[in-house]
Amino acid sequence: MAVADLSPHDEPLDRVAQIQDEWRRERPELDPSPQGVIGRLHLVALHLTERLVAVYDEFGLSEGEFDVLATLRRAGAPFERGAGELADHTLVTTGGLTKRVDRLAARGLVERRAEASDARKRLVRLTPEGRNLIDRAIAAHLANERRILDDLGTTDAAALEQILTRWLRVLDQT
């Protein structure tokens, strides 16, 4: 292996480092160093999504459906939220939420009902079947996340959590 193929940590260059080297060669006046973090985070996110979705698939759920069921389960008894609140907690539009809820209702995992104080407002509630499914799915999901993080070790995982928490605060303020 040539010296040019080694990073400062004596590891072979990854795809992001190769891209950075290509930009340094083609546009030496530009600084591609941010790609070292951003590019790798993007690739990590793609890998994580792939691994997380595989577990949701085991339960016949899409990522969005899992999110809706988990949000309802976290609400506590009676495991329901208003449609607007549910949209806020799942970070989707109410239109996108409607499609997810429709699919889950068709499978008997959630039900809709009118709010007692205002019949125009709709509540979405987990059915017993939905609660059973999300309880099994969240246990498998958290075990999967543990396996993924175990590859980093507890020290690196804790440091990464602190860094990402701080970075999210900064990004949320801008």
Protein backbone atom coordinates (compact mmCIF):
# COMPACT_ATOMS: atom_id res chain seq x y z
CA MET A 1 0.00 0.00 0.00
CA ALA A 2 1.39 3.39 -0.98
CA VAL A 3 1.93 6.10 1.62
CA ALA A 4 -0.57 8.29 -0.28
CA ASP A 5 -3.26 5.69 0.46
CA LEU A 6 -2.89 6.07 4.22
CA SER A 7 -4.66 8.55 6.46
CA PRO A 8 -2.89 10.20 9.42
CA HIS A 9 -4.22 7.29 11.48
CA ASP A 10 -2.51 4.70 9.24
CA GLU A 11 -5.79 3.39 7.88
CA PRO A 12 -6.68 3.04 4.21
CA LEU A 13 -8.56 6.00 2.79
CA ASP A 14 -12.33 5.66 2.87
CA ARG A 15 -14.60 6.96 0.13
CA VAL A 16 -14.99 10.37 1.79
CA ALA A 17 -11.22 10.81 2.06
CA GLN A 18 -10.89 9.85 -1.60
CA ILE A 19 -13.47 12.48 -2.56
CA GLN A 20 -11.66 15.08 -0.46
CA ASP A 21 -8.34 14.21 -2.15
CA GLU A 22 -9.97 14.54 -5.56
CA TRP A 23 -11.29 18.01 -4.68
CA ARG A 24 -7.88 19.04 -3.32
CA ARG A 25 -6.35 17.95 -6.62
CA GLU A 26 -9.02 19.55 -8.84
CA ARG A 27 -9.76 22.68 -6.79
CA PRO A 28 -6.78 23.29 -4.48
CA GLU A 29 -8.12 26.73 -3.52
CA LEU A 30 -11.14 25.08 -1.82
CA ASP A 31 -11.17 23.46 1.62
CA PRO A 32 -12.98 20.11 1.46
CA SER A 33 -12.34 19.34 5.15
CA PRO A 34 -16.03 19.81 6.17
CA GLN A 35 -16.82 16.80 4.00
CA GLY A 36 -14.83 14.73 6.48
CA VAL A 37 -17.61 15.20 9.02
CA ILE A 38 -20.68 15.92 6.89
CA GLY A 39 -19.99 13.25 4.27
CA ARG A 40 -19.32 10.61 6.88
CA LEU A 41 -22.41 11.56 8.89
CA HIS A 42 -24.45 11.25 5.72
CA LEU A 43 -23.03 7.78 5.04
CA VAL A 44 -23.56 6.76 8.68
CA ALA A 45 -27.19 7.90 8.42
CA LEU A 46 -27.69 5.78 5.30
CA HIS A 47 -26.21 2.72 7.01
CA LEU A 48 -28.25 3.30 10.17
CA THR A 49 -31.48 3.72 8.22
CA GLU A 50 -30.82 0.47 6.39
CA ARG A 51 -30.21 -1.41 9.64
CA LEU A 52 -33.16 0.16 11.46
CA VAL A 53 -35.62 -0.39 8.62
CA ALA A 54 -34.65 -4.07 8.49
CA VAL A 55 -36.06 -4.50 12.00
CA TYR A 56 -39.25 -2.57 11.18
CA ASP A 57 -39.69 -4.87 8.18
CA GLU A 58 -39.65 -7.89 10.50
CA PHE A 59 -42.86 -6.51 12.01
CA GLY A 60 -44.43 -5.52 8.69
CA LEU A 61 -43.94 -1.83 9.39
CA SER A 62 -42.48 1.02 7.41
CA GLU A 63 -40.26 3.53 9.19
CA GLY A 64 -43.14 6.03 9.29
CA GLU A 65 -45.64 3.49 10.60
CA PHE A 66 -43.22 2.45 13.34
CA ASP A 67 -42.84 6.13 14.25
CA VAL A 68 -46.62 6.65 14.55
CA LEU A 69 -47.14 3.54 16.67
CA ALA A 70 -44.16 4.36 18.91
CA THR A 71 -45.40 7.94 19.38
CA LEU A 72 -48.83 6.68 20.44
CA ARG A 73 -47.29 4.10 22.78
CA ARG A 74 -45.08 6.72 24.45
CA ALA A 75 -48.17 8.84 25.16
CA GLY A 76 -49.17 6.41 27.92
CA ALA A 77 -52.67 5.15 28.59
CA PRO A 78 -55.02 5.48 26.77
CA PHE A 79 -52.29 5.56 24.06
CA GLU A 80 -53.82 8.30 21.97
CA ARG A 81 -52.94 11.74 20.67
CA GLY A 82 -54.70 14.37 18.66
CA ALA A 83 -53.84 14.35 14.97
CA GLY A 84 -51.97 17.66 15.20
CA GLU A 85 -50.01 16.56 18.23
CA LEU A 86 -49.21 13.27 16.54
CA ALA A 87 -47.93 15.13 13.48
CA ASP A 88 -45.71 17.31 15.71
CA HIS A 89 -44.23 14.30 17.48
CA THR A 90 -43.55 12.40 14.27
CA LEU A 91 -42.16 15.38 12.36
CA VAL A 92 -44.41 14.80 9.35
CA THR A 93 -47.08 16.92 7.74
CA THR A 94 -50.70 16.23 8.62
CA GLY A 95 -51.19 15.01 5.03
CA GLY A 96 -48.36 12.51 5.38
CA LEU A 97 -49.67 11.49 8.77
CA THR A 98 -53.15 10.84 7.36
CA LYS A 99 -51.74 8.31 4.90
CA ARG A 100 -49.82 6.51 7.63
CA VAL A 101 -52.81 6.44 9.96
CA ASP A 102 -55.06 5.20 7.14
CA ARG A 103 -52.72 2.25 6.51
CA LEU A 104 -52.44 1.45 10.22
CA ALA A 105 -56.22 1.72 10.71
CA ALA A 106 -56.84 -0.62 7.77
CA ARG A 107 -54.63 -3.18 9.54
CA GLY A 108 -56.51 -2.74 12.83
CA LEU A 109 -53.49 -1.25 14.64
CA VAL A 110 -55.00 2.18 15.34
CA GLU A 111 -58.45 3.70 15.43
CA ARG A 112 -59.73 7.23 15.03
CA ARG A 113 -62.40 8.85 17.12
CA ALA A 114 -63.82 12.32 17.59
CA GLU A 115 -62.57 14.33 20.54
CA ALA A 116 -65.31 14.70 23.17
CA SER A 117 -64.91 18.50 23.47
CA ASP A 118 -64.82 19.16 19.71
CA ALA A 119 -66.22 16.64 17.22
CA ARG A 120 -64.18 18.27 14.42
CA LYS A 121 -60.94 17.20 16.11
CA ARG A 122 -59.80 13.63 15.66
CA LEU A 123 -57.89 11.46 18.09
CA VAL A 124 -55.78 8.51 17.02
CA ARG A 125 -55.53 5.62 19.46
CA LEU A 126 -53.59 2.37 19.51
CA THR A 127 -55.74 -0.73 19.42
CA PRO A 128 -54.75 -3.66 21.63
CA GLU A 129 -53.26 -5.28 18.49
CA GLY A 130 -51.30 -2.11 17.76
CA ARG A 131 -49.99 -1.93 21.30
CA ASN A 132 -48.93 -5.57 21.20
CA LEU A 133 -47.14 -5.06 17.89
CA ILE A 134 -45.31 -1.88 18.92
CA ASP A 135 -44.29 -3.39 22.26
CA ARG A 136 -42.62 -6.27 20.42
CA ALA A 137 -41.19 -3.99 17.71
CA ILE A 138 -39.71 -1.44 20.15
CA ALA A 139 -37.98 -4.19 22.11
CA ALA A 140 -36.40 -5.50 18.90
CA HIS A 141 -35.59 -1.95 17.76
CA LEU A 142 -33.79 -1.04 20.98
CA ALA A 143 -31.85 -4.32 20.94
CA ASN A 144 -30.84 -3.53 17.36
CA GLU A 145 -29.69 -0.04 18.34
CA ARG A 146 -27.69 -1.54 21.21
CA ARG A 147 -25.95 -3.95 18.80
CA ILE A 148 -25.13 -1.07 16.46
CA LEU A 149 -23.68 1.07 19.25
CA ASP A 150 -21.79 -1.80 20.83
CA ASP A 151 -19.46 -1.67 17.82
CA LEU A 152 -18.34 1.79 18.99
CA GLY A 153 -17.87 0.97 22.65
CA THR A 154 -19.42 2.83 25.56
CA THR A 155 -16.83 5.62 25.74
CA ASP A 156 -17.09 6.58 22.07
CA ALA A 157 -20.88 6.22 22.06
CA ALA A 158 -21.20 8.52 25.09
CA ALA A 159 -18.83 11.09 23.56
CA LEU A 160 -20.69 10.97 20.26
CA GLU A 161 -24.02 11.46 22.04
CA GLN A 162 -22.70 14.58 23.79
CA ILE A 163 -21.27 16.02 20.58
CA LEU A 164 -24.44 15.36 18.59
CA THR A 165 -26.63 16.78 21.36
CA ARG A 166 -24.59 19.98 21.39
CA TRP A 167 -24.56 20.20 17.58
CA LEU A 168 -28.33 19.71 17.35
CA ARG A 169 -28.84 22.56 19.83
CA VAL A 170 -26.71 24.81 17.65
CA LEU A 171 -28.48 23.75 14.45
CA ASP A 172 -31.92 24.21 16.06
CA GLN A 173 -31.01 27.81 16.94
CA THR A 174 -30.05 28.76 13.38
